[in-house]
Amino acid sequence: DALLVADLLVAASPEMRKRIEPGRTRAVVNLAETPTGAFTTNPDLPFPGRAAESRLRTALGGEPLARHDFRWLAQALLGETITANIMLLGTAWQLGLVPLSLEALQRTIELNAVEVQGNLDAFAWGRALACDAAAVQATAEQYDFMPPWRRLAASLAERIERREAQLQASHGAAALRRYRDIVARVRAAEQR
């Protein structure tokens, strides 16, 4: 039996754990933290990832075949998180958990006709992850395709600098001057 875990909290729920047979069910687990509805009303809730992973490990009767933060890997290697589940599928396929041919899966991605090359690349990265996780992890840490404008700014000054660069590129010098004027007026008002 194969368990492809895209959401750790769902997979570790009592209902899902009832379907797992220790020693028989094999799993590939996405460790990415997926917030639940409870986080919308209480954003300070700690994410129960370790406890969920422990419950899942107990239900499986041991370690999953693979466990990675597929969302981070997809972002770092491909520039977007949407391909994380296809990367997870690639890992599961390479580990022998998906009883379909490589050609059938690739053709399915092509027939879906949505971000075909990105999904094929994600699937290939997932397969590589199953073969040499350390090398893929090192590549992701080195590569990190996340565009600078999508990374969280460390400070207000950095945020303003990024917005200035975007504005200059998209709307030109006049718009940049207007933006800087607005920022200066806000700073002055905040100082008062």
N, C-alpha and C. Protein backbone atom coordinates (compact mmCIF):
# COMPACT_ATOMS: atom_id res chain seq x y z
N ASP A 1 0.85 -1.18 0.00
CA ASP A 1 0.00 0.00 0.00
C ASP A 1 0.89 1.24 0.00
N ALA A 2 0.48 2.24 -0.71
CA ALA A 2 1.24 3.48 -0.81
C ALA A 2 0.46 4.64 -0.22
N LEU A 3 1.14 5.46 0.51
CA LEU A 3 0.55 6.67 1.09
C LEU A 3 1.41 7.84 0.65
N LEU A 4 0.84 8.73 -0.17
CA LEU A 4 1.55 9.94 -0.60
C LEU A 4 1.00 11.08 0.22
N VAL A 5 1.82 11.59 1.11
CA VAL A 5 1.39 12.58 2.09
C VAL A 5 1.71 13.98 1.61
N ALA A 6 0.71 14.66 1.09
CA ALA A 6 0.88 16.05 0.69
C ALA A 6 0.62 16.98 1.87
N ASP A 7 -0.21 16.54 2.81
CA ASP A 7 -0.55 17.33 4.00
C ASP A 7 -0.37 16.46 5.22
N LEU A 8 0.66 16.75 6.01
CA LEU A 8 1.03 15.93 7.16
C LEU A 8 -0.08 15.83 8.19
N LEU A 9 -0.77 16.92 8.46
CA LEU A 9 -1.81 16.89 9.49
C LEU A 9 -2.99 16.01 9.08
N VAL A 10 -3.35 16.04 7.81
CA VAL A 10 -4.43 15.18 7.33
C VAL A 10 -4.00 13.72 7.41
N ALA A 11 -2.78 13.42 6.97
CA ALA A 11 -2.30 12.03 6.96
C ALA A 11 -2.20 11.45 8.37
N ALA A 12 -1.91 12.30 9.35
CA ALA A 12 -1.75 11.83 10.73
C ALA A 12 -3.06 11.84 11.51
N SER A 13 -4.15 12.21 10.87
CA SER A 13 -5.43 12.25 11.56
C SER A 13 -5.87 10.83 11.92
N PRO A 14 -6.69 10.69 12.96
CA PRO A 14 -7.16 9.35 13.35
C PRO A 14 -7.82 8.58 12.21
N GLU A 15 -8.64 9.28 11.42
CA GLU A 15 -9.33 8.62 10.32
C GLU A 15 -8.35 8.04 9.30
N MET A 16 -7.32 8.79 8.97
CA MET A 16 -6.34 8.30 7.99
C MET A 16 -5.47 7.20 8.59
N ARG A 17 -5.10 7.35 9.85
CA ARG A 17 -4.23 6.34 10.47
C ARG A 17 -4.92 4.98 10.53
N LYS A 18 -6.25 4.95 10.58
CA LYS A 18 -6.98 3.67 10.59
C LYS A 18 -6.76 2.90 9.29
N ARG A 19 -6.44 3.60 8.23
CA ARG A 19 -6.27 2.96 6.92
C ARG A 19 -4.84 2.43 6.69
N ILE A 20 -3.95 2.75 7.60
CA ILE A 20 -2.54 2.37 7.46
C ILE A 20 -2.30 1.02 8.12
N GLU A 21 -1.61 0.13 7.42
CA GLU A 21 -1.23 -1.15 7.99
C GLU A 21 0.26 -1.12 8.29
N PRO A 22 0.61 -1.17 9.58
CA PRO A 22 2.04 -1.14 9.95
C PRO A 22 2.82 -2.24 9.22
N GLY A 23 3.96 -1.85 8.70
CA GLY A 23 4.81 -2.80 8.01
C GLY A 23 4.41 -3.06 6.57
N ARG A 24 3.21 -2.71 6.20
CA ARG A 24 2.75 -2.92 4.82
C ARG A 24 2.66 -1.60 4.07
N THR A 25 2.07 -0.59 4.70
CA THR A 25 1.90 0.71 4.05
C THR A 25 3.26 1.41 4.01
N ARG A 26 3.61 1.88 2.82
CA ARG A 26 4.85 2.64 2.65
C ARG A 26 4.47 4.06 2.26
N ALA A 27 5.25 5.02 2.76
CA ALA A 27 4.85 6.41 2.60
C ALA A 27 5.99 7.30 2.12
N VAL A 28 5.58 8.34 1.39
CA VAL A 28 6.44 9.47 1.05
C VAL A 28 5.74 10.68 1.64
N VAL A 29 6.46 11.45 2.45
CA VAL A 29 5.84 12.48 3.28
C VAL A 29 6.37 13.87 2.95
N ASN A 30 5.43 14.80 2.73
CA ASN A 30 5.77 16.21 2.59
C ASN A 30 5.74 16.83 3.99
N LEU A 31 6.87 17.36 4.42
CA LEU A 31 6.98 17.95 5.76
C LEU A 31 6.58 19.42 5.80
N ALA A 32 6.20 19.98 4.67
CA ALA A 32 5.82 21.40 4.63
C ALA A 32 4.66 21.65 5.58
N GLU A 33 4.73 22.77 6.27
CA GLU A 33 3.69 23.13 7.22
C GLU A 33 2.51 23.75 6.49
N THR A 34 1.40 23.04 6.48
CA THR A 34 0.18 23.53 5.83
C THR A 34 -0.78 23.97 6.92
N PRO A 35 -1.02 25.28 7.05
CA PRO A 35 -1.89 25.75 8.13
C PRO A 35 -3.32 25.26 7.97
N THR A 36 -3.96 25.05 9.10
CA THR A 36 -5.36 24.63 9.11
C THR A 36 -6.24 25.86 9.33
N GLY A 37 -7.54 25.65 9.29
CA GLY A 37 -8.48 26.75 9.54
C GLY A 37 -8.30 27.36 10.92
N ALA A 38 -7.84 26.57 11.89
CA ALA A 38 -7.64 27.10 13.25
C ALA A 38 -6.60 28.22 13.27
N PHE A 39 -5.67 28.20 12.31
CA PHE A 39 -4.63 29.23 12.28
C PHE A 39 -5.19 30.59 11.85
N THR A 40 -6.34 30.60 11.19
CA THR A 40 -6.93 31.88 10.78
C THR A 40 -7.47 32.64 11.98
N THR A 41 -7.95 31.90 12.98
CA THR A 41 -8.48 32.57 14.18
C THR A 41 -7.42 32.73 15.25
N ASN A 42 -6.37 31.90 15.21
CA ASN A 42 -5.30 31.98 16.19
C ASN A 42 -3.96 31.75 15.49
N PRO A 43 -3.39 32.80 14.87
CA PRO A 43 -2.17 32.61 14.10
C PRO A 43 -0.94 32.27 14.94
N ASP A 44 -1.06 32.39 16.26
CA ASP A 44 0.07 32.07 17.13
C ASP A 44 0.10 30.60 17.55
N LEU A 45 -0.85 29.82 17.08
CA LEU A 45 -0.85 28.39 17.40
C LEU A 45 0.45 27.77 16.90
N PRO A 46 1.07 26.94 17.71
CA PRO A 46 2.26 26.24 17.20
C PRO A 46 1.84 25.16 16.21
N PHE A 47 2.62 25.00 15.16
CA PHE A 47 2.29 23.98 14.17
C PHE A 47 2.65 22.61 14.76
N PRO A 48 1.71 21.68 14.79
CA PRO A 48 1.94 20.39 15.44
C PRO A 48 2.63 19.36 14.54
N GLY A 49 3.59 19.80 13.76
CA GLY A 49 4.23 18.93 12.78
C GLY A 49 4.96 17.75 13.38
N ARG A 50 5.73 17.99 14.43
CA ARG A 50 6.50 16.88 15.02
C ARG A 50 5.58 15.83 15.61
N ALA A 51 4.54 16.27 16.30
CA ALA A 51 3.60 15.31 16.89
C ALA A 51 2.88 14.52 15.80
N ALA A 52 2.48 15.21 14.72
CA ALA A 52 1.79 14.54 13.61
C ALA A 52 2.73 13.53 12.96
N GLU A 53 3.97 13.94 12.76
CA GLU A 53 4.93 13.02 12.14
C GLU A 53 5.18 11.81 13.03
N SER A 54 5.23 12.01 14.32
CA SER A 54 5.42 10.90 15.26
C SER A 54 4.23 9.93 15.20
N ARG A 55 3.01 10.46 15.17
CA ARG A 55 1.82 9.60 15.07
C ARG A 55 1.83 8.82 13.76
N LEU A 56 2.22 9.48 12.69
CA LEU A 56 2.27 8.82 11.40
C LEU A 56 3.33 7.72 11.40
N ARG A 57 4.50 8.00 11.95
CA ARG A 57 5.57 7.02 12.03
C ARG A 57 5.12 5.79 12.82
N THR A 58 4.42 6.02 13.94
CA THR A 58 3.90 4.91 14.74
C THR A 58 2.91 4.08 13.94
N ALA A 59 2.01 4.75 13.22
CA ALA A 59 1.01 4.05 12.41
C ALA A 59 1.67 3.21 11.31
N LEU A 60 2.76 3.74 10.74
CA LEU A 60 3.46 3.03 9.67
C LEU A 60 4.28 1.86 10.21
N GLY A 61 4.59 1.90 11.51
CA GLY A 61 5.45 0.88 12.08
C GLY A 61 6.92 1.14 11.80
N GLY A 62 7.26 2.39 11.53
CA GLY A 62 8.64 2.78 11.25
C GLY A 62 8.70 4.03 10.40
N GLU A 63 9.87 4.31 9.91
CA GLU A 63 10.10 5.53 9.12
C GLU A 63 9.44 5.43 7.75
N PRO A 64 8.97 6.57 7.22
CA PRO A 64 8.51 6.57 5.82
C PRO A 64 9.70 6.36 4.88
N LEU A 65 9.41 5.98 3.66
CA LEU A 65 10.48 5.78 2.69
C LEU A 65 11.24 7.08 2.41
N ALA A 66 10.51 8.17 2.38
CA ALA A 66 11.12 9.48 2.13
C ALA A 66 10.31 10.54 2.85
N ARG A 67 11.00 11.55 3.35
CA ARG A 67 10.33 12.66 4.01
C ARG A 67 11.13 13.93 3.74
N HIS A 68 10.47 14.88 3.08
CA HIS A 68 11.13 16.13 2.69
C HIS A 68 10.13 17.26 2.74
N ASP A 69 10.63 18.47 2.77
CA ASP A 69 9.77 19.63 2.60
C ASP A 69 9.69 19.87 1.09
N PHE A 70 8.75 19.21 0.45
CA PHE A 70 8.62 19.29 -1.01
C PHE A 70 8.24 20.70 -1.45
N ARG A 71 7.51 21.43 -0.63
CA ARG A 71 7.13 22.79 -1.01
C ARG A 71 8.38 23.67 -1.12
N TRP A 72 9.27 23.57 -0.12
CA TRP A 72 10.50 24.37 -0.17
C TRP A 72 11.37 23.93 -1.35
N LEU A 73 11.51 22.63 -1.55
CA LEU A 73 12.33 22.14 -2.66
C LEU A 73 11.78 22.62 -4.01
N ALA A 74 10.47 22.55 -4.18
CA ALA A 74 9.88 23.03 -5.44
C ALA A 74 10.14 24.52 -5.63
N GLN A 75 10.01 25.28 -4.57
CA GLN A 75 10.27 26.73 -4.66
C GLN A 75 11.73 26.99 -5.02
N ALA A 76 12.63 26.30 -4.32
CA ALA A 76 14.06 26.54 -4.53
C ALA A 76 14.52 26.08 -5.91
N LEU A 77 14.04 24.94 -6.35
CA LEU A 77 14.54 24.36 -7.61
C LEU A 77 13.79 24.84 -8.85
N LEU A 78 12.50 25.17 -8.67
CA LEU A 78 11.66 25.47 -9.84
C LEU A 78 11.02 26.85 -9.79
N GLY A 79 11.16 27.54 -8.67
CA GLY A 79 10.65 28.90 -8.58
C GLY A 79 9.20 29.04 -8.19
N GLU A 80 8.53 27.92 -7.86
CA GLU A 80 7.13 27.99 -7.43
C GLU A 80 6.78 26.75 -6.64
N THR A 81 5.87 26.90 -5.70
CA THR A 81 5.50 25.78 -4.83
C THR A 81 4.43 24.89 -5.43
N ILE A 82 3.76 25.34 -6.45
CA ILE A 82 2.63 24.60 -7.00
C ILE A 82 3.03 23.21 -7.51
N THR A 83 4.29 23.02 -7.84
CA THR A 83 4.76 21.74 -8.37
C THR A 83 5.20 20.76 -7.28
N ALA A 84 5.01 21.11 -6.01
CA ALA A 84 5.47 20.26 -4.91
C ALA A 84 4.85 18.87 -4.96
N ASN A 85 3.56 18.79 -5.25
CA ASN A 85 2.91 17.48 -5.27
C ASN A 85 3.39 16.60 -6.42
N ILE A 86 3.72 17.22 -7.56
CA ILE A 86 4.26 16.45 -8.68
C ILE A 86 5.66 15.96 -8.33
N MET A 87 6.43 16.78 -7.61
CA MET A 87 7.75 16.35 -7.16
C MET A 87 7.61 15.16 -6.20
N LEU A 88 6.64 15.24 -5.29
CA LEU A 88 6.36 14.14 -4.37
C LEU A 88 5.99 12.88 -5.16
N LEU A 89 5.17 13.03 -6.19
CA LEU A 89 4.79 11.90 -7.04
C LEU A 89 6.02 11.30 -7.72
N GLY A 90 6.93 12.14 -8.19
CA GLY A 90 8.17 11.65 -8.81
C GLY A 90 9.00 10.82 -7.85
N THR A 91 9.08 11.27 -6.60
CA THR A 91 9.81 10.51 -5.59
C THR A 91 9.14 9.17 -5.35
N ALA A 92 7.82 9.20 -5.18
CA ALA A 92 7.08 7.96 -4.94
C ALA A 92 7.23 6.99 -6.12
N TRP A 93 7.16 7.52 -7.34
CA TRP A 93 7.30 6.66 -8.51
C TRP A 93 8.67 6.00 -8.53
N GLN A 94 9.71 6.80 -8.28
CA GLN A 94 11.07 6.28 -8.32
C GLN A 94 11.29 5.21 -7.25
N LEU A 95 10.57 5.32 -6.14
CA LEU A 95 10.68 4.33 -5.06
C LEU A 95 9.80 3.11 -5.30
N GLY A 96 9.09 3.08 -6.42
CA GLY A 96 8.30 1.91 -6.78
C GLY A 96 6.90 1.87 -6.18
N LEU A 97 6.40 3.01 -5.72
CA LEU A 97 5.08 3.05 -5.08
C LEU A 97 3.93 3.32 -6.04
N VAL A 98 4.24 3.71 -7.26
CA VAL A 98 3.19 4.06 -8.23
C VAL A 98 3.28 3.08 -9.39
N PRO A 99 2.31 2.18 -9.52
CA PRO A 99 2.39 1.11 -10.52
C PRO A 99 1.98 1.55 -11.93
N LEU A 100 2.57 2.61 -12.39
CA LEU A 100 2.34 3.10 -13.76
C LEU A 100 3.70 3.29 -14.42
N SER A 101 3.71 3.23 -15.73
CA SER A 101 4.98 3.42 -16.45
C SER A 101 5.36 4.90 -16.44
N LEU A 102 6.65 5.14 -16.60
CA LEU A 102 7.14 6.51 -16.71
C LEU A 102 6.48 7.21 -17.88
N GLU A 103 6.34 6.52 -18.99
CA GLU A 103 5.73 7.11 -20.18
C GLU A 103 4.27 7.50 -19.91
N ALA A 104 3.54 6.66 -19.19
CA ALA A 104 2.14 6.97 -18.89
C ALA A 104 2.02 8.21 -18.02
N LEU A 105 2.88 8.33 -17.02
CA LEU A 105 2.82 9.50 -16.15
C LEU A 105 3.22 10.77 -16.90
N GLN A 106 4.27 10.67 -17.69
CA GLN A 106 4.69 11.83 -18.47
C GLN A 106 3.60 12.24 -19.47
N ARG A 107 2.97 11.28 -20.09
CA ARG A 107 1.91 11.58 -21.05
C ARG A 107 0.72 12.23 -20.35
N THR A 108 0.42 11.78 -19.14
CA THR A 108 -0.66 12.37 -18.36
C THR A 108 -0.37 13.85 -18.09
N ILE A 109 0.86 14.15 -17.73
CA ILE A 109 1.25 15.54 -17.49
C ILE A 109 1.09 16.34 -18.78
N GLU A 110 1.50 15.78 -19.89
CA GLU A 110 1.36 16.47 -21.18
C GLU A 110 -0.11 16.69 -21.54
N LEU A 111 -0.94 15.67 -21.35
CA LEU A 111 -2.36 15.79 -21.68
C LEU A 111 -3.08 16.80 -20.79
N ASN A 112 -2.60 16.95 -19.57
CA ASN A 112 -3.19 17.94 -18.67
C ASN A 112 -2.99 19.35 -19.21
N ALA A 113 -1.91 19.54 -19.96
CA ALA A 113 -1.61 20.79 -20.68
C ALA A 113 -1.54 22.03 -19.78
N VAL A 114 -1.13 21.84 -18.54
CA VAL A 114 -0.95 22.97 -17.62
C VAL A 114 0.49 22.93 -17.12
N GLU A 115 1.24 23.98 -17.43
CA GLU A 115 2.63 24.06 -16.98
C GLU A 115 3.37 22.74 -17.23
N VAL A 116 3.28 22.26 -18.46
CA VAL A 116 3.80 20.94 -18.79
C VAL A 116 5.28 20.81 -18.45
N GLN A 117 6.11 21.73 -18.92
CA GLN A 117 7.55 21.59 -18.68
C GLN A 117 7.87 21.71 -17.20
N GLY A 118 7.22 22.62 -16.50
CA GLY A 118 7.45 22.76 -15.06
C GLY A 118 7.08 21.49 -14.31
N ASN A 119 5.98 20.86 -14.69
CA ASN A 119 5.57 19.62 -14.03
C ASN A 119 6.49 18.45 -14.39
N LEU A 120 6.93 18.39 -15.64
CA LEU A 120 7.89 17.35 -16.01
C LEU A 120 9.20 17.53 -15.25
N ASP A 121 9.63 18.78 -15.11
CA ASP A 121 10.85 19.06 -14.36
C ASP A 121 10.68 18.69 -12.89
N ALA A 122 9.53 19.02 -12.32
CA ALA A 122 9.26 18.68 -10.91
C ALA A 122 9.28 17.17 -10.72
N PHE A 123 8.66 16.45 -11.64
CA PHE A 123 8.65 14.99 -11.56
C PHE A 123 10.08 14.45 -11.61
N ALA A 124 10.90 15.00 -12.50
CA ALA A 124 12.30 14.56 -12.62
C ALA A 124 13.08 14.88 -11.34
N TRP A 125 12.87 16.05 -10.77
CA TRP A 125 13.54 16.40 -9.51
C TRP A 125 13.11 15.45 -8.40
N GLY A 126 11.84 15.08 -8.38
CA GLY A 126 11.37 14.12 -7.39
C GLY A 126 12.04 12.78 -7.53
N ARG A 127 12.21 12.33 -8.76
CA ARG A 127 12.92 11.07 -9.00
C ARG A 127 14.36 11.16 -8.53
N ALA A 128 15.01 12.28 -8.83
CA ALA A 128 16.39 12.48 -8.38
C ALA A 128 16.47 12.49 -6.86
N LEU A 129 15.48 13.07 -6.23
CA LEU A 129 15.43 13.14 -4.76
C LEU A 129 15.42 11.74 -4.16
N ALA A 130 14.70 10.82 -4.80
CA ALA A 130 14.65 9.44 -4.31
C ALA A 130 16.00 8.75 -4.44
N CYS A 131 16.79 9.16 -5.42
CA CYS A 131 18.08 8.52 -5.68
C CYS A 131 19.22 9.12 -4.85
N ASP A 132 19.20 10.44 -4.68
CA ASP A 132 20.29 11.11 -3.96
C ASP A 132 19.76 12.38 -3.30
N ALA A 133 19.07 12.20 -2.19
CA ALA A 133 18.43 13.33 -1.50
C ALA A 133 19.44 14.39 -1.08
N ALA A 134 20.61 13.97 -0.63
CA ALA A 134 21.61 14.94 -0.17
C ALA A 134 22.06 15.85 -1.31
N ALA A 135 22.24 15.28 -2.50
CA ALA A 135 22.68 16.09 -3.64
C ALA A 135 21.58 17.06 -4.07
N VAL A 136 20.34 16.60 -4.08
CA VAL A 136 19.23 17.48 -4.47
C VAL A 136 19.07 18.60 -3.45
N GLN A 137 19.16 18.26 -2.17
CA GLN A 137 19.07 19.26 -1.10
C GLN A 137 20.17 20.30 -1.25
N ALA A 138 21.38 19.86 -1.50
CA ALA A 138 22.51 20.79 -1.68
C ALA A 138 22.29 21.68 -2.89
N THR A 139 21.78 21.11 -3.96
CA THR A 139 21.50 21.91 -5.15
C THR A 139 20.43 22.95 -4.85
N ALA A 140 19.39 22.54 -4.13
CA ALA A 140 18.31 23.48 -3.78
C ALA A 140 18.85 24.62 -2.93
N GLU A 141 19.70 24.32 -1.99
CA GLU A 141 20.26 25.36 -1.12
C GLU A 141 21.14 26.32 -1.91
N GLN A 142 21.83 25.81 -2.90
CA GLN A 142 22.72 26.62 -3.72
C GLN A 142 21.97 27.39 -4.79
N TYR A 143 20.98 26.74 -5.39
CA TYR A 143 20.25 27.26 -6.55
C TYR A 143 19.24 28.32 -6.17
N ASP A 144 18.39 27.99 -5.24
CA ASP A 144 17.28 28.81 -4.76
C ASP A 144 16.77 29.79 -5.81
N PHE A 145 15.88 29.31 -6.66
CA PHE A 145 15.33 30.09 -7.76
C PHE A 145 14.33 31.16 -7.35
N MET A 146 14.02 31.25 -6.07
CA MET A 146 13.01 32.22 -5.67
C MET A 146 13.48 33.62 -6.09
N PRO A 147 12.70 34.30 -6.90
CA PRO A 147 13.11 35.64 -7.33
C PRO A 147 13.24 36.56 -6.12
N PRO A 148 14.21 37.46 -6.12
CA PRO A 148 14.42 38.34 -4.97
C PRO A 148 13.16 39.08 -4.54
N TRP A 149 12.31 39.49 -5.50
CA TRP A 149 11.12 40.24 -5.14
C TRP A 149 10.08 39.38 -4.43
N ARG A 150 10.21 38.01 -4.49
CA ARG A 150 9.26 37.13 -3.81
C ARG A 150 9.73 36.73 -2.42
N ARG A 151 11.02 36.92 -2.12
CA ARG A 151 11.52 36.59 -0.78
C ARG A 151 11.02 37.63 0.21
N LEU A 152 10.81 37.20 1.43
CA LEU A 152 10.37 38.14 2.46
C LEU A 152 11.49 39.12 2.74
N ALA A 153 11.15 40.37 2.82
CA ALA A 153 12.14 41.40 3.12
C ALA A 153 12.50 41.33 4.60
N ALA A 154 13.77 41.54 4.89
CA ALA A 154 14.24 41.49 6.27
C ALA A 154 13.91 42.78 7.01
N SER A 155 13.73 43.86 6.29
CA SER A 155 13.49 45.15 6.95
C SER A 155 12.58 46.02 6.07
N LEU A 156 12.08 47.09 6.67
CA LEU A 156 11.27 48.05 5.91
C LEU A 156 12.11 48.69 4.82
N ALA A 157 13.35 49.01 5.12
CA ALA A 157 14.24 49.62 4.12
C ALA A 157 14.41 48.69 2.91
N GLU A 158 14.56 47.39 3.15
CA GLU A 158 14.70 46.44 2.06
C GLU A 158 13.41 46.34 1.25
N ARG A 159 12.27 46.37 1.92
CA ARG A 159 10.98 46.33 1.21
C ARG A 159 10.83 47.55 0.31
N ILE A 160 11.16 48.71 0.84
CA ILE A 160 11.05 49.95 0.05
C ILE A 160 12.01 49.90 -1.13
N GLU A 161 13.22 49.43 -0.90
CA GLU A 161 14.22 49.32 -1.98
C GLU A 161 13.72 48.40 -3.09
N ARG A 162 13.14 47.27 -2.72
CA ARG A 162 12.61 46.34 -3.73
C ARG A 162 11.48 46.97 -4.52
N ARG A 163 10.58 47.65 -3.81
CA ARG A 163 9.44 48.28 -4.50
C ARG A 163 9.93 49.38 -5.44
N GLU A 164 10.95 50.12 -5.02
CA GLU A 164 11.52 51.15 -5.89
C GLU A 164 12.07 50.54 -7.17
N ALA A 165 12.80 49.43 -7.04
CA ALA A 165 13.37 48.77 -8.21
C ALA A 165 12.27 48.26 -9.14
N GLN A 166 11.20 47.67 -8.57
CA GLN A 166 10.09 47.19 -9.39
C GLN A 166 9.39 48.35 -10.09
N LEU A 167 9.16 49.43 -9.36
CA LEU A 167 8.47 50.59 -9.91
C LEU A 167 9.29 51.23 -11.03
N GLN A 168 10.59 51.36 -10.81
CA GLN A 168 11.48 51.92 -11.83
C GLN A 168 11.40 51.09 -13.10
N ALA A 169 11.45 49.75 -12.95
CA ALA A 169 11.44 48.86 -14.11
C ALA A 169 10.10 48.87 -14.83
N SER A 170 9.00 48.97 -14.07
CA SER A 170 7.70 48.84 -14.70
C SER A 170 7.08 50.16 -15.13
N HIS A 171 7.36 51.26 -14.39
CA HIS A 171 6.67 52.52 -14.69
C HIS A 171 7.60 53.72 -14.93
N GLY A 172 8.90 53.53 -14.73
CA GLY A 172 9.85 54.59 -15.06
C GLY A 172 10.18 55.55 -13.93
N ALA A 173 11.03 56.52 -14.27
CA ALA A 173 11.60 57.45 -13.30
C ALA A 173 10.56 58.37 -12.66
N ALA A 174 9.58 58.83 -13.42
CA ALA A 174 8.58 59.76 -12.87
C ALA A 174 7.76 59.08 -11.77
N ALA A 175 7.36 57.85 -12.00
CA ALA A 175 6.60 57.10 -10.99
C ALA A 175 7.46 56.84 -9.77
N LEU A 176 8.74 56.55 -9.99
CA LEU A 176 9.66 56.33 -8.87
C LEU A 176 9.79 57.58 -8.02
N ARG A 177 9.89 58.75 -8.66
CA ARG A 177 9.99 60.02 -7.90
C ARG A 177 8.73 60.23 -7.07
N ARG A 178 7.55 59.97 -7.65
CA ARG A 178 6.29 60.13 -6.89
C ARG A 178 6.25 59.19 -5.69
N TYR A 179 6.68 57.95 -5.89
CA TYR A 179 6.70 56.97 -4.81
C TYR A 179 7.64 57.44 -3.69
N ARG A 180 8.84 57.87 -4.07
CA ARG A 180 9.80 58.34 -3.05
C ARG A 180 9.25 59.53 -2.29
N ASP A 181 8.52 60.41 -2.98
CA ASP A 181 7.92 61.56 -2.33
C ASP A 181 6.88 61.11 -1.30
N ILE A 182 6.06 60.15 -1.68
CA ILE A 182 5.03 59.62 -0.75
C ILE A 182 5.71 58.98 0.47
N VAL A 183 6.74 58.19 0.24
CA VAL A 183 7.45 57.53 1.35
C VAL A 183 8.06 58.58 2.27
N ALA A 184 8.63 59.63 1.71
CA ALA A 184 9.22 60.70 2.53
C ALA A 184 8.15 61.39 3.38
N ARG A 185 6.98 61.67 2.79
CA ARG A 185 5.91 62.30 3.56
C ARG A 185 5.38 61.39 4.68
N VAL A 186 5.29 60.10 4.40
CA VAL A 186 4.85 59.16 5.43
C VAL A 186 5.87 59.10 6.56
N ARG A 187 7.16 59.07 6.21
CA ARG A 187 8.21 59.05 7.24
C ARG A 187 8.15 60.31 8.11
N ALA A 188 7.95 61.45 7.46
CA ALA A 188 7.87 62.70 8.21
C ALA A 188 6.66 62.70 9.15
N ALA A 189 5.53 62.24 8.66
CA ALA A 189 4.32 62.17 9.49
C ALA A 189 4.53 61.19 10.64
N GLU A 190 5.18 60.09 10.37
CA GLU A 190 5.42 59.09 11.42
C GLU A 190 6.39 59.65 12.47
N GLN A 191 7.35 60.44 12.05
CA GLN A 191 8.30 61.05 12.98
C GLN A 191 7.60 62.03 13.94
N ARG A 192 6.60 62.77 13.36
CA ARG A 192 5.85 63.73 14.19
C ARG A 192 5.01 62.99 15.20
